[in-house]
């Protein structure tokens, strides 16, 4: 592609804008996919023993806010428990029992959260490569 010296800055700007759009699209797709995978991982259960199965099946993904970030153009996603949101903190961190002791903490959200960063960066890189 031949470009005159006078229009070089415009061509560079165009290419950078195209690349920026590709990165934003790849990141948004990766965020959505990773959030869905995180919800599925949490639906598989954790180190706790569940009586009814209602807690694990209620994990869901939702896009945060009604629109994307104005500055970056990136979407945010929340992984949450629809009906049993009160239990997430109690199970993850433990709590005071009725008899005065402590109930054991069952860390099941933190391990999934630690994996998300690596998962999403790997997805973005693979989408940008090909």
C-alpha atoms as a PDB file:
ATOM      1  CA  UNK A   1       0.000   0.000   0.000  1.00  0.00           C
ATOM      2  CA  UNK A   2       1.489   3.298  -1.049  1.00  0.00           C
ATOM      3  CA  UNK A   3       0.813   6.325   1.080  1.00  0.00           C
ATOM      4  CA  UNK A   4       1.992   9.843   0.457  1.00  0.00           C
ATOM      5  CA  UNK A   5       3.898  11.612   3.185  1.00  0.00           C
ATOM      6  CA  UNK A   6       1.090  14.142   3.556  1.00  0.00           C
ATOM      7  CA  UNK A   7      -1.530  11.491   4.375  1.00  0.00           C
ATOM      8  CA  UNK A   8       0.720   9.245   6.477  1.00  0.00           C
ATOM      9  CA  UNK A   9      -0.606  10.568   9.783  1.00  0.00           C
ATOM     10  CA  UNK A  10      -4.206   9.977   8.698  1.00  0.00           C
ATOM     11  CA  UNK A  11      -3.450   6.402   7.619  1.00  0.00           C
ATOM     12  CA  UNK A  12      -1.679   5.651  10.900  1.00  0.00           C
ATOM     13  CA  UNK A  13      -4.625   7.087  12.829  1.00  0.00           C
ATOM     14  CA  UNK A  14      -7.067   4.940  10.806  1.00  0.00           C
ATOM     15  CA  UNK A  15      -5.076   1.767  11.449  1.00  0.00           C
ATOM     16  CA  UNK A  16      -4.816   2.501  15.165  1.00  0.00           C
ATOM     17  CA  UNK A  17      -8.582   3.080  15.372  1.00  0.00           C
ATOM     18  CA  UNK A  18      -9.228  -0.221  13.565  1.00  0.00           C
ATOM     19  CA  UNK A  19      -6.892  -2.040  15.939  1.00  0.00           C
ATOM     20  CA  UNK A  20      -8.552  -0.371  18.949  1.00  0.00           C
ATOM     21  CA  UNK A  21     -11.967  -1.544  17.739  1.00  0.00           C
ATOM     22  CA  UNK A  22     -10.637  -5.100  17.310  1.00  0.00           C
ATOM     23  CA  UNK A  23      -9.206  -5.095  20.832  1.00  0.00           C
ATOM     24  CA  UNK A  24     -12.448  -3.775  22.343  1.00  0.00           C
ATOM     25  CA  UNK A  25     -14.538  -6.379  20.495  1.00  0.00           C
ATOM     26  CA  UNK A  26     -12.183  -9.185  21.514  1.00  0.00           C
ATOM     27  CA  UNK A  27     -12.177  -7.998  25.137  1.00  0.00           C
ATOM     28  CA  UNK A  28     -15.980  -7.690  25.331  1.00  0.00           C
ATOM     29  CA  UNK A  29     -16.464 -11.165  23.831  1.00  0.00           C
ATOM     30  CA  UNK A  30     -13.866 -12.600  26.207  1.00  0.00           C
ATOM     31  CA  UNK A  31     -15.430 -10.922  29.249  1.00  0.00           C
ATOM     32  CA  UNK A  32     -18.849 -12.355  28.384  1.00  0.00           C
ATOM     33  CA  UNK A  33     -17.490 -15.869  27.736  1.00  0.00           C
ATOM     34  CA  UNK A  34     -15.370 -15.864  30.890  1.00  0.00           C
ATOM     35  CA  UNK A  35     -18.291 -14.700  33.042  1.00  0.00           C
ATOM     36  CA  UNK A  36     -20.438 -17.540  31.670  1.00  0.00           C
ATOM     37  CA  UNK A  37     -17.659 -20.040  32.371  1.00  0.00           C
ATOM     38  CA  UNK A  38     -17.288 -18.704  35.925  1.00  0.00           C
ATOM     39  CA  UNK A  39     -21.013 -19.188  36.543  1.00  0.00           C
ATOM     40  CA  UNK A  40     -20.785 -22.738  35.213  1.00  0.00           C
ATOM     41  CA  UNK A  41     -17.807 -23.460  37.466  1.00  0.00           C
ATOM     42  CA  UNK A  42     -19.759 -22.213  40.486  1.00  0.00           C
ATOM     43  CA  UNK A  43     -22.789 -24.289  39.453  1.00  0.00           C
ATOM     44  CA  UNK A  44     -20.659 -27.415  39.808  1.00  0.00           C
ATOM     45  CA  UNK A  45     -20.551 -26.803  43.559  1.00  0.00           C
ATOM     46  CA  UNK A  46     -17.787 -26.449  46.054  1.00  0.00           C
ATOM     47  CA  UNK A  47     -16.350 -27.986  49.212  1.00  0.00           C
ATOM     48  CA  UNK A  48     -19.663 -27.551  51.050  1.00  0.00           C
ATOM     49  CA  UNK A  49     -22.390 -30.174  51.326  1.00  0.00           C
ATOM     50  CA  UNK A  50     -25.656 -28.892  49.940  1.00  0.00           C
ATOM     51  CA  UNK A  51     -28.995 -30.366  50.958  1.00  0.00           C
ATOM     52  CA  UNK A  52     -31.316 -29.161  48.170  1.00  0.00           C
ATOM     53  CA  UNK A  53     -29.064 -28.081  45.276  1.00  0.00           C
ATOM     54  CA  UNK A  54     -30.851 -24.736  45.054  1.00  0.00           C
ATOM     55  CA  UNK A  55     -27.753 -22.683  45.910  1.00  0.00           C
ATOM     56  CA  UNK A  56     -25.545 -24.045  43.151  1.00  0.00           C
ATOM     57  CA  UNK A  57     -28.130 -23.978  40.373  1.00  0.00           C
ATOM     58  CA  UNK A  58     -28.951 -20.286  40.921  1.00  0.00           C
ATOM     59  CA  UNK A  59     -25.629 -18.822  39.726  1.00  0.00           C
ATOM     60  CA  UNK A  60     -26.187 -16.383  36.868  1.00  0.00           C
ATOM     61  CA  UNK A  61     -24.416 -13.799  34.701  1.00  0.00           C
ATOM     62  CA  UNK A  62     -25.663 -10.308  34.011  1.00  0.00           C
ATOM     63  CA  UNK A  63     -24.236  -7.362  32.113  1.00  0.00           C
ATOM     64  CA  UNK A  64     -23.491  -4.561  34.552  1.00  0.00           C
ATOM     65  CA  UNK A  65     -25.363  -1.378  33.788  1.00  0.00           C
ATOM     66  CA  UNK A  66     -27.485  -0.667  30.783  1.00  0.00           C
ATOM     67  CA  UNK A  67     -24.644   0.394  28.496  1.00  0.00           C
ATOM     68  CA  UNK A  68     -20.933   0.085  27.976  1.00  0.00           C
ATOM     69  CA  UNK A  69     -18.315   2.342  29.488  1.00  0.00           C
ATOM     70  CA  UNK A  70     -18.281   5.665  27.677  1.00  0.00           C
ATOM     71  CA  UNK A  71     -14.531   6.079  28.108  1.00  0.00           C
ATOM     72  CA  UNK A  72     -13.249   2.607  27.264  1.00  0.00           C
ATOM     73  CA  UNK A  73     -16.138   1.005  25.382  1.00  0.00           C
ATOM     74  CA  UNK A  74     -15.820  -2.136  27.522  1.00  0.00           C
ATOM     75  CA  UNK A  75     -18.701  -4.100  29.020  1.00  0.00           C
ATOM     76  CA  UNK A  76     -18.731  -5.315  32.596  1.00  0.00           C
ATOM     77  CA  UNK A  77     -20.354  -8.539  33.755  1.00  0.00           C
ATOM     78  CA  UNK A  78     -21.438  -9.735  37.198  1.00  0.00           C
ATOM     79  CA  UNK A  79     -21.590 -13.339  38.301  1.00  0.00           C
ATOM     80  CA  UNK A  80     -24.041 -13.635  41.167  1.00  0.00           C
ATOM     81  CA  UNK A  81     -26.432 -15.985  42.904  1.00  0.00           C
ATOM     82  CA  UNK A  82     -29.991 -14.985  41.982  1.00  0.00           C
ATOM     83  CA  UNK A  83     -31.996 -16.265  44.938  1.00  0.00           C
ATOM     84  CA  UNK A  84     -29.447 -17.170  47.606  1.00  0.00           C
ATOM     85  CA  UNK A  85     -27.158 -14.164  47.479  1.00  0.00           C
ATOM     86  CA  UNK A  86     -27.144 -13.923  51.276  1.00  0.00           C
ATOM     87  CA  UNK A  87     -25.446 -17.304  51.549  1.00  0.00           C
ATOM     88  CA  UNK A  88     -22.479 -16.421  49.345  1.00  0.00           C
ATOM     89  CA  UNK A  89     -20.765 -14.322  52.021  1.00  0.00           C
ATOM     90  CA  UNK A  90     -21.674 -16.726  54.831  1.00  0.00           C
ATOM     91  CA  UNK A  91     -20.365 -19.785  53.012  1.00  0.00           C
ATOM     92  CA  UNK A  92     -17.260 -18.057  51.658  1.00  0.00           C
ATOM     93  CA  UNK A  93     -16.170 -16.466  54.946  1.00  0.00           C
ATOM     94  CA  UNK A  94     -17.839 -18.494  57.685  1.00  0.00           C
ATOM     95  CA  UNK A  95     -20.036 -16.936  60.368  1.00  0.00           C
ATOM     96  CA  UNK A  96     -20.965 -16.940  64.024  1.00  0.00           C
ATOM     97  CA  UNK A  97     -23.126 -19.891  65.032  1.00  0.00           C
ATOM     98  CA  UNK A  98     -26.164 -19.753  67.315  1.00  0.00           C
ATOM     99  CA  UNK A  99     -24.282 -21.512  70.096  1.00  0.00           C
ATOM    100  CA  UNK A 100     -21.430 -19.001  70.157  1.00  0.00           C
ATOM    101  CA  UNK A 101     -18.865 -20.804  68.032  1.00  0.00           C
ATOM    102  CA  UNK A 102     -17.837 -20.254  64.436  1.00  0.00           C
ATOM    103  CA  UNK A 103     -19.093 -22.054  61.380  1.00  0.00           C
ATOM    104  CA  UNK A 104     -16.369 -23.214  59.010  1.00  0.00           C
ATOM    105  CA  UNK A 105     -15.738 -21.147  55.871  1.00  0.00           C
ATOM    106  CA  UNK A 106     -16.046 -22.940  52.520  1.00  0.00           C
ATOM    107  CA  UNK A 107     -14.028 -20.926  50.051  1.00  0.00           C
ATOM    108  CA  UNK A 108     -15.618 -21.613  46.670  1.00  0.00           C
ATOM    109  CA  UNK A 109     -15.832 -18.170  45.024  1.00  0.00           C
ATOM    110  CA  UNK A 110     -12.228 -17.031  45.592  1.00  0.00           C
ATOM    111  CA  UNK A 111     -10.614 -19.945  43.671  1.00  0.00           C
ATOM    112  CA  UNK A 112     -12.832 -19.241  40.658  1.00  0.00           C
ATOM    113  CA  UNK A 113     -12.103 -15.518  40.909  1.00  0.00           C
ATOM    114  CA  UNK A 114      -8.351 -16.166  40.907  1.00  0.00           C
ATOM    115  CA  UNK A 115      -8.606 -18.093  37.631  1.00  0.00           C
ATOM    116  CA  UNK A 116     -10.617 -15.423  35.797  1.00  0.00           C
ATOM    117  CA  UNK A 117      -7.737 -13.048  35.082  1.00  0.00           C
ATOM    118  CA  UNK A 118      -5.665 -15.673  33.328  1.00  0.00           C
ATOM    119  CA  UNK A 119      -8.693 -17.038  31.495  1.00  0.00           C
ATOM    120  CA  UNK A 120      -9.761 -13.684  30.080  1.00  0.00           C
ATOM    121  CA  UNK A 121      -6.265 -12.612  29.022  1.00  0.00           C
ATOM    122  CA  UNK A 122      -5.746 -15.926  27.250  1.00  0.00           C
ATOM    123  CA  UNK A 123      -9.054 -15.528  25.416  1.00  0.00           C
ATOM    124  CA  UNK A 124      -8.265 -11.960  24.338  1.00  0.00           C
ATOM    125  CA  UNK A 125      -4.822 -12.947  23.064  1.00  0.00           C
ATOM    126  CA  UNK A 126      -6.188 -15.898  21.103  1.00  0.00           C
ATOM    127  CA  UNK A 127      -8.924 -13.755  19.524  1.00  0.00           C
ATOM    128  CA  UNK A 128      -6.411 -11.111  18.460  1.00  0.00           C
ATOM    129  CA  UNK A 129      -4.027 -13.688  16.985  1.00  0.00           C
ATOM    130  CA  UNK A 130      -6.474 -15.304  14.723  1.00  0.00           C
END
